Amino acid sequence: MTRATTILRNLAIGALRIAGHVNLAAGIRHHARDTTRPLAILGITCGHIA
């Protein structure tokens, strides 16, 4: 792995742990089912401006 890939992987693991996931594999599967979930962990919302 490159250094940048390693940094992104560690950030993702940290975000899952902060979100309360103890089992990382289960957390990854949970967030892979809906594309907005990973963004929600980071505090990013996908709202439409009307």
N, C-alpha and C. Protein backbone atom coordinates (compact mmCIF):
# COMPACT_ATOMS: atom_id res chain seq x y z
N MET A 1 0.84 -1.19 0.00
CA MET A 1 0.00 0.00 0.00
C MET A 1 0.88 1.24 0.00
N THR A 2 0.38 2.24 -0.67
CA THR A 2 1.10 3.50 -0.64
C THR A 2 0.80 4.21 0.67
N ARG A 3 1.56 5.20 0.95
CA ARG A 3 1.37 5.96 2.19
C ARG A 3 0.00 6.64 2.22
N ALA A 4 -0.43 7.19 1.09
CA ALA A 4 -1.73 7.87 1.03
C ALA A 4 -2.87 6.88 1.24
N THR A 5 -2.77 5.70 0.66
CA THR A 5 -3.79 4.68 0.84
C THR A 5 -3.88 4.24 2.29
N THR A 6 -2.73 4.11 2.92
CA THR A 6 -2.69 3.72 4.33
C THR A 6 -3.34 4.77 5.21
N ILE A 7 -3.09 6.03 4.91
CA ILE A 7 -3.68 7.13 5.67
C ILE A 7 -5.20 7.11 5.52
N LEU A 8 -5.71 6.94 4.29
CA LEU A 8 -7.15 6.91 4.06
C LEU A 8 -7.80 5.71 4.75
N ARG A 9 -7.12 4.56 4.71
CA ARG A 9 -7.63 3.36 5.38
C ARG A 9 -7.74 3.60 6.88
N ASN A 10 -6.71 4.17 7.49
CA ASN A 10 -6.73 4.44 8.92
C ASN A 10 -7.80 5.47 9.30
N LEU A 11 -8.01 6.46 8.45
CA LEU A 11 -9.07 7.44 8.71
C LEU A 11 -10.45 6.77 8.66
N ALA A 12 -10.65 5.87 7.70
CA ALA A 12 -11.93 5.16 7.59
C ALA A 12 -12.16 4.27 8.82
N ILE A 13 -11.13 3.57 9.25
CA ILE A 13 -11.24 2.72 10.44
C ILE A 13 -11.55 3.58 11.66
N GLY A 14 -10.89 4.70 11.80
CA GLY A 14 -11.14 5.60 12.93
C GLY A 14 -12.56 6.14 12.92
N ALA A 15 -13.06 6.50 11.73
CA ALA A 15 -14.43 7.01 11.63
C ALA A 15 -15.45 5.94 12.01
N LEU A 16 -15.20 4.69 11.60
CA LEU A 16 -16.11 3.61 11.97
C LEU A 16 -16.09 3.37 13.47
N ARG A 17 -14.93 3.44 14.07
CA ARG A 17 -14.84 3.22 15.52
C ARG A 17 -15.52 4.35 16.29
N ILE A 18 -15.34 5.58 15.85
CA ILE A 18 -15.99 6.73 16.49
C ILE A 18 -17.50 6.60 16.37
N ALA A 19 -17.97 6.05 15.25
CA ALA A 19 -19.41 5.86 15.04
C ALA A 19 -19.96 4.72 15.87
N GLY A 20 -19.08 3.99 16.57
CA GLY A 20 -19.55 2.95 17.48
C GLY A 20 -19.45 1.53 16.97
N HIS A 21 -18.84 1.33 15.82
CA HIS A 21 -18.70 -0.02 15.27
C HIS A 21 -17.49 -0.70 15.90
N VAL A 22 -17.75 -1.82 16.57
CA VAL A 22 -16.67 -2.62 17.16
C VAL A 22 -16.15 -3.60 16.12
N ASN A 23 -17.07 -4.22 15.37
CA ASN A 23 -16.71 -5.15 14.32
C ASN A 23 -16.57 -4.36 13.02
N LEU A 24 -15.35 -4.16 12.55
CA LEU A 24 -15.11 -3.31 11.39
C LEU A 24 -15.72 -3.89 10.12
N ALA A 25 -15.65 -5.21 9.95
CA ALA A 25 -16.22 -5.84 8.75
C ALA A 25 -17.72 -5.60 8.68
N ALA A 26 -18.40 -5.73 9.80
CA ALA A 26 -19.84 -5.48 9.85
C ALA A 26 -20.14 -4.00 9.58
N GLY A 27 -19.32 -3.12 10.11
CA GLY A 27 -19.50 -1.69 9.88
C GLY A 27 -19.31 -1.32 8.41
N ILE A 28 -18.33 -1.93 7.77
CA ILE A 28 -18.10 -1.67 6.35
C ILE A 28 -19.29 -2.16 5.53
N ARG A 29 -19.78 -3.36 5.83
CA ARG A 29 -20.94 -3.89 5.11
C ARG A 29 -22.16 -3.00 5.32
N HIS A 30 -22.36 -2.55 6.55
CA HIS A 30 -23.50 -1.68 6.87
C HIS A 30 -23.45 -0.39 6.05
N HIS A 31 -22.30 0.22 5.97
CA HIS A 31 -22.18 1.50 5.26
C HIS A 31 -22.10 1.33 3.76
N ALA A 32 -21.76 0.14 3.28
CA ALA A 32 -21.70 -0.10 1.84
C ALA A 32 -23.10 -0.22 1.23
N ARG A 33 -24.09 -0.51 2.04
CA ARG A 33 -25.46 -0.71 1.54
C ARG A 33 -26.13 0.60 1.12
N ASP A 34 -25.69 1.72 1.65
CA ASP A 34 -26.31 3.01 1.35
C ASP A 34 -25.19 4.03 1.20
N THR A 35 -25.12 4.66 0.05
CA THR A 35 -24.00 5.57 -0.24
C THR A 35 -23.99 6.83 0.61
N THR A 36 -25.10 7.16 1.28
CA THR A 36 -25.12 8.36 2.11
C THR A 36 -24.58 8.11 3.52
N ARG A 37 -24.53 6.84 3.95
CA ARG A 37 -24.08 6.53 5.31
C ARG A 37 -22.63 6.93 5.57
N PRO A 38 -21.69 6.61 4.68
CA PRO A 38 -20.31 7.04 4.96
C PRO A 38 -20.18 8.56 5.06
N LEU A 39 -20.95 9.27 4.25
CA LEU A 39 -20.92 10.73 4.31
C LEU A 39 -21.50 11.25 5.61
N ALA A 40 -22.54 10.58 6.10
CA ALA A 40 -23.19 10.99 7.34
C ALA A 40 -22.24 10.86 8.53
N ILE A 41 -21.39 9.84 8.53
CA ILE A 41 -20.40 9.69 9.60
C ILE A 41 -19.48 10.91 9.65
N LEU A 42 -19.17 11.44 8.47
CA LEU A 42 -18.28 12.59 8.39
C LEU A 42 -19.00 13.92 8.56
N GLY A 43 -20.32 13.86 8.75
CA GLY A 43 -21.09 15.08 8.95
C GLY A 43 -21.48 15.77 7.65
N ILE A 44 -21.43 15.05 6.54
CA ILE A 44 -21.78 15.60 5.24
C ILE A 44 -23.17 15.12 4.89
N THR A 45 -24.07 16.03 4.57
CA THR A 45 -25.43 15.66 4.18
C THR A 45 -25.62 15.91 2.71
N CYS A 46 -26.50 15.13 2.13
CA CYS A 46 -26.82 15.26 0.70
C CYS A 46 -28.23 15.80 0.55
N GLY A 47 -28.39 17.06 0.88
CA GLY A 47 -29.72 17.67 0.79
C GLY A 47 -29.84 18.49 -0.48
N HIS A 48 -31.06 18.62 -0.93
CA HIS A 48 -31.34 19.43 -2.11
C HIS A 48 -31.82 20.81 -1.67
N ILE A 49 -31.33 21.82 -2.31
CA ILE A 49 -31.74 23.18 -2.00
C ILE A 49 -32.94 23.52 -2.88
N ALA A 50 -34.04 23.89 -2.26
CA ALA A 50 -35.27 24.18 -3.03
C ALA A 50 -35.45 25.66 -3.14
